[in-house]
Amino acid sequence: MQRPRNLSNWTWLNIVGLALAAAGMVVQIAAGSQLYPSLTGPIVLLASAAIVAFGPARWTPYVGLGVPLVLGIGAIVAAVMTGAFVVQLTTFSSPTLVLGSVMHVIGLLAAVTGGIGSVLDRRGPVSVER
């Protein structure tokens, strides 16, 4: 691994979003959520954040976009099919669970937004020299 290169604002948003989503999942697990039986999700999110921060600039924006996008789509599908995540977001008798769920959602949204920005930012204007 290398030292972090000069990262764009989009990349920083992506890294912070990945870390916030991971922290949200850990808070949900600590609050007793049954949706995440292991620490695999937070580990994958934090590993992705490290790859985006320290990996080669050529392909890391795709990791930063792909991981939260897949997890976000999975969360949406699970929410539609079972409704358990929606219950976690609205169970105000357990504020820690609600806080972790909100952190998770905001983190995924920030990570996807930063990932899209990072991918599009790399494809800047093409100049042709003669």
C-alpha atoms as a PDB file:
ATOM      1  CA  MET A   1       0.000   0.000   0.000  1.00  0.00           C
ATOM      2  CA  GLN A   2       1.039   3.534  -0.660  1.00  0.00           C
ATOM      3  CA  ARG A   3       0.544   6.844   1.066  1.00  0.00           C
ATOM      4  CA  PRO A   4      -2.760   8.521   0.215  1.00  0.00           C
ATOM      5  CA  ARG A   5      -2.454  10.492  -2.977  1.00  0.00           C
ATOM      6  CA  ASN A   6      -4.019  13.882  -3.541  1.00  0.00           C
ATOM      7  CA  LEU A   7      -7.669  12.822  -3.315  1.00  0.00           C
ATOM      8  CA  SER A   8     -10.565  14.715  -4.858  1.00  0.00           C
ATOM      9  CA  ASN A   9     -13.560  15.880  -2.831  1.00  0.00           C
ATOM     10  CA  TRP A  10     -15.632  13.130  -4.492  1.00  0.00           C
ATOM     11  CA  THR A  11     -13.150  10.498  -3.339  1.00  0.00           C
ATOM     12  CA  TRP A  12     -13.165  11.881   0.212  1.00  0.00           C
ATOM     13  CA  LEU A  13     -16.984  11.791   0.207  1.00  0.00           C
ATOM     14  CA  ASN A  14     -16.805   8.193  -0.953  1.00  0.00           C
ATOM     15  CA  ILE A  15     -14.313   7.192   1.782  1.00  0.00           C
ATOM     16  CA  VAL A  16     -16.227   8.978   4.543  1.00  0.00           C
ATOM     17  CA  GLY A  17     -19.509   7.457   3.324  1.00  0.00           C
ATOM     18  CA  LEU A  18     -18.036   3.945   3.355  1.00  0.00           C
ATOM     19  CA  ALA A  19     -16.688   4.462   6.885  1.00  0.00           C
ATOM     20  CA  LEU A  20     -19.988   5.958   8.100  1.00  0.00           C
ATOM     21  CA  ALA A  21     -21.970   3.042   6.666  1.00  0.00           C
ATOM     22  CA  ALA A  22     -19.608   0.599   8.390  1.00  0.00           C
ATOM     23  CA  ALA A  23     -19.931   2.455  11.691  1.00  0.00           C
ATOM     24  CA  GLY A  24     -23.714   2.464  11.317  1.00  0.00           C
ATOM     25  CA  MET A  25     -23.738  -1.294  10.834  1.00  0.00           C
ATOM     26  CA  VAL A  26     -21.567  -1.779  13.938  1.00  0.00           C
ATOM     27  CA  VAL A  27     -23.927   0.436  15.964  1.00  0.00           C
ATOM     28  CA  GLN A  28     -26.898  -1.616  14.707  1.00  0.00           C
ATOM     29  CA  ILE A  29     -25.168  -4.868  15.676  1.00  0.00           C
ATOM     30  CA  ALA A  30     -24.330  -3.462  19.119  1.00  0.00           C
ATOM     31  CA  ALA A  31     -27.954  -2.353  19.537  1.00  0.00           C
ATOM     32  CA  GLY A  32     -29.154  -5.900  18.935  1.00  0.00           C
ATOM     33  CA  SER A  33     -30.128  -5.865  15.268  1.00  0.00           C
ATOM     34  CA  GLN A  34     -30.717  -9.312  13.843  1.00  0.00           C
ATOM     35  CA  LEU A  35     -30.165  -8.141  10.244  1.00  0.00           C
ATOM     36  CA  TYR A  36     -26.383  -8.406  10.442  1.00  0.00           C
ATOM     37  CA  PRO A  37     -25.319 -11.629  12.142  1.00  0.00           C
ATOM     38  CA  SER A  38     -21.594 -10.968  11.620  1.00  0.00           C
ATOM     39  CA  LEU A  39     -19.089  -8.169  11.114  1.00  0.00           C
ATOM     40  CA  THR A  40     -18.570  -9.083   7.450  1.00  0.00           C
ATOM     41  CA  GLY A  41     -20.428  -6.020   6.126  1.00  0.00           C
ATOM     42  CA  PRO A  42     -18.469  -3.454   8.144  1.00  0.00           C
ATOM     43  CA  ILE A  43     -15.193  -5.216   7.331  1.00  0.00           C
ATOM     44  CA  VAL A  44     -15.959  -5.143   3.595  1.00  0.00           C
ATOM     45  CA  LEU A  45     -16.919  -1.452   3.789  1.00  0.00           C
ATOM     46  CA  LEU A  46     -13.768  -0.486   5.706  1.00  0.00           C
ATOM     47  CA  ALA A  47     -11.566  -2.562   3.395  1.00  0.00           C
ATOM     48  CA  SER A  48     -13.174  -0.804   0.429  1.00  0.00           C
ATOM     49  CA  ALA A  49     -12.496   2.579   2.019  1.00  0.00           C
ATOM     50  CA  ALA A  50      -8.837   1.607   2.504  1.00  0.00           C
ATOM     51  CA  ILE A  51      -8.572   0.431  -1.104  1.00  0.00           C
ATOM     52  CA  VAL A  52     -10.069   3.693  -2.364  1.00  0.00           C
ATOM     53  CA  ALA A  53      -7.716   5.736  -0.164  1.00  0.00           C
ATOM     54  CA  PHE A  54      -4.486   3.818  -0.768  1.00  0.00           C
ATOM     55  CA  GLY A  55      -4.986   1.794  -3.946  1.00  0.00           C
ATOM     56  CA  PRO A  56      -4.004   2.681  -7.489  1.00  0.00           C
ATOM     57  CA  ALA A  57      -6.078   5.565  -8.843  1.00  0.00           C
ATOM     58  CA  ARG A  58      -6.886   3.770 -12.069  1.00  0.00           C
ATOM     59  CA  TRP A  59      -9.563   1.360 -10.803  1.00  0.00           C
ATOM     60  CA  THR A  60     -10.332   2.288  -7.184  1.00  0.00           C
ATOM     61  CA  PRO A  61     -13.250   4.621  -8.075  1.00  0.00           C
ATOM     62  CA  TYR A  62     -15.084   1.560  -9.394  1.00  0.00           C
ATOM     63  CA  VAL A  63     -14.565  -0.278  -6.090  1.00  0.00           C
ATOM     64  CA  GLY A  64     -15.764   2.834  -4.251  1.00  0.00           C
ATOM     65  CA  LEU A  65     -18.921   2.878  -6.356  1.00  0.00           C
ATOM     66  CA  GLY A  66     -19.564  -0.842  -6.709  1.00  0.00           C
ATOM     67  CA  VAL A  67     -19.437  -1.941  -3.070  1.00  0.00           C
ATOM     68  CA  PRO A  68     -21.917   0.585  -1.604  1.00  0.00           C
ATOM     69  CA  LEU A  69     -24.142   0.302  -4.677  1.00  0.00           C
ATOM     70  CA  VAL A  70     -24.440  -3.476  -4.294  1.00  0.00           C
ATOM     71  CA  LEU A  71     -25.004  -3.192  -0.527  1.00  0.00           C
ATOM     72  CA  GLY A  72     -27.541  -0.392  -1.041  1.00  0.00           C
ATOM     73  CA  ILE A  73     -29.480  -2.370  -3.641  1.00  0.00           C
ATOM     74  CA  GLY A  74     -29.408  -5.377  -1.313  1.00  0.00           C
ATOM     75  CA  ALA A  75     -30.748  -3.252   1.554  1.00  0.00           C
ATOM     76  CA  ILE A  76     -33.537  -1.887  -0.650  1.00  0.00           C
ATOM     77  CA  VAL A  77     -34.515  -5.373  -1.829  1.00  0.00           C
ATOM     78  CA  ALA A  78     -34.471  -6.682   1.756  1.00  0.00           C
ATOM     79  CA  ALA A  79     -36.544  -3.708   2.945  1.00  0.00           C
ATOM     80  CA  VAL A  80     -39.132  -4.339   0.239  1.00  0.00           C
ATOM     81  CA  MET A  81     -39.248  -8.090   0.817  1.00  0.00           C
ATOM     82  CA  THR A  82     -39.217  -8.248   4.617  1.00  0.00           C
ATOM     83  CA  GLY A  83     -39.681  -4.710   5.891  1.00  0.00           C
ATOM     84  CA  ALA A  84     -37.233  -5.407   8.745  1.00  0.00           C
ATOM     85  CA  PHE A  85     -34.930  -2.513   7.895  1.00  0.00           C
ATOM     86  CA  VAL A  86     -37.862  -0.099   7.738  1.00  0.00           C
ATOM     87  CA  VAL A  87     -38.941  -1.318  11.184  1.00  0.00           C
ATOM     88  CA  GLN A  88     -35.427  -0.599  12.479  1.00  0.00           C
ATOM     89  CA  LEU A  89     -35.600   2.933  11.078  1.00  0.00           C
ATOM     90  CA  THR A  90     -38.930   3.620  12.756  1.00  0.00           C
ATOM     91  CA  THR A  91     -38.549   1.818  16.111  1.00  0.00           C
ATOM     92  CA  PHE A  92     -38.018   4.921  18.220  1.00  0.00           C
ATOM     93  CA  SER A  93     -38.138   2.895  21.440  1.00  0.00           C
ATOM     94  CA  SER A  94     -34.560   1.885  20.541  1.00  0.00           C
ATOM     95  CA  PRO A  95     -32.790   5.138  19.644  1.00  0.00           C
ATOM     96  CA  THR A  96     -29.413   3.432  19.224  1.00  0.00           C
ATOM     97  CA  LEU A  97     -30.873   1.118  16.604  1.00  0.00           C
ATOM     98  CA  VAL A  98     -32.464   4.063  14.787  1.00  0.00           C
ATOM     99  CA  LEU A  99     -29.194   6.013  14.960  1.00  0.00           C
ATOM    100  CA  GLY A 100     -27.221   3.097  13.503  1.00  0.00           C
ATOM    101  CA  SER A 101     -29.797   2.615  10.746  1.00  0.00           C
ATOM    102  CA  VAL A 102     -29.728   6.311   9.827  1.00  0.00           C
ATOM    103  CA  MET A 103     -25.901   6.294   9.833  1.00  0.00           C
ATOM    104  CA  HIS A 104     -25.966   3.240   7.569  1.00  0.00           C
ATOM    105  CA  VAL A 105     -28.373   4.831   5.072  1.00  0.00           C
ATOM    106  CA  ILE A 106     -26.625   8.222   5.004  1.00  0.00           C
ATOM    107  CA  GLY A 107     -23.247   6.503   4.680  1.00  0.00           C
ATOM    108  CA  LEU A 108     -24.376   4.393   1.724  1.00  0.00           C
ATOM    109  CA  LEU A 109     -25.937   7.424   0.018  1.00  0.00           C
ATOM    110  CA  ALA A 110     -22.764   9.470   0.527  1.00  0.00           C
ATOM    111  CA  ALA A 111     -20.555   6.608  -0.662  1.00  0.00           C
ATOM    112  CA  VAL A 112     -22.615   6.051  -3.814  1.00  0.00           C
ATOM    113  CA  THR A 113     -22.705   9.799  -4.534  1.00  0.00           C
ATOM    114  CA  GLY A 114     -18.954  10.105  -4.002  1.00  0.00           C
ATOM    115  CA  GLY A 115     -18.361   6.987  -6.090  1.00  0.00           C
ATOM    116  CA  ILE A 116     -20.391   8.343  -8.995  1.00  0.00           C
ATOM    117  CA  GLY A 117     -18.561  11.656  -8.745  1.00  0.00           C
ATOM    118  CA  SER A 118     -15.183   9.900  -8.659  1.00  0.00           C
ATOM    119  CA  VAL A 119     -15.957   7.756 -11.687  1.00  0.00           C
ATOM    120  CA  LEU A 120     -17.295  10.688 -13.710  1.00  0.00           C
ATOM    121  CA  ASP A 121     -14.489  13.000 -12.572  1.00  0.00           C
ATOM    122  CA  ARG A 122     -11.855  10.683 -14.039  1.00  0.00           C
ATOM    123  CA  ARG A 123     -13.458  10.881 -17.459  1.00  0.00           C
ATOM    124  CA  GLY A 124     -12.800  14.584 -17.812  1.00  0.00           C
ATOM    125  CA  PRO A 125     -12.521  16.285 -21.176  1.00  0.00           C
ATOM    126  CA  VAL A 126     -10.407  14.509 -23.733  1.00  0.00           C
ATOM    127  CA  SER A 127      -7.872  16.650 -25.514  1.00  0.00           C
ATOM    128  CA  VAL A 128      -6.377  15.689 -28.825  1.00  0.00           C
ATOM    129  CA  GLU A 129      -2.966  17.096 -29.610  1.00  0.00           C
ATOM    130  CA  ARG A 130      -1.480  17.170 -33.081  1.00  0.00           C
END
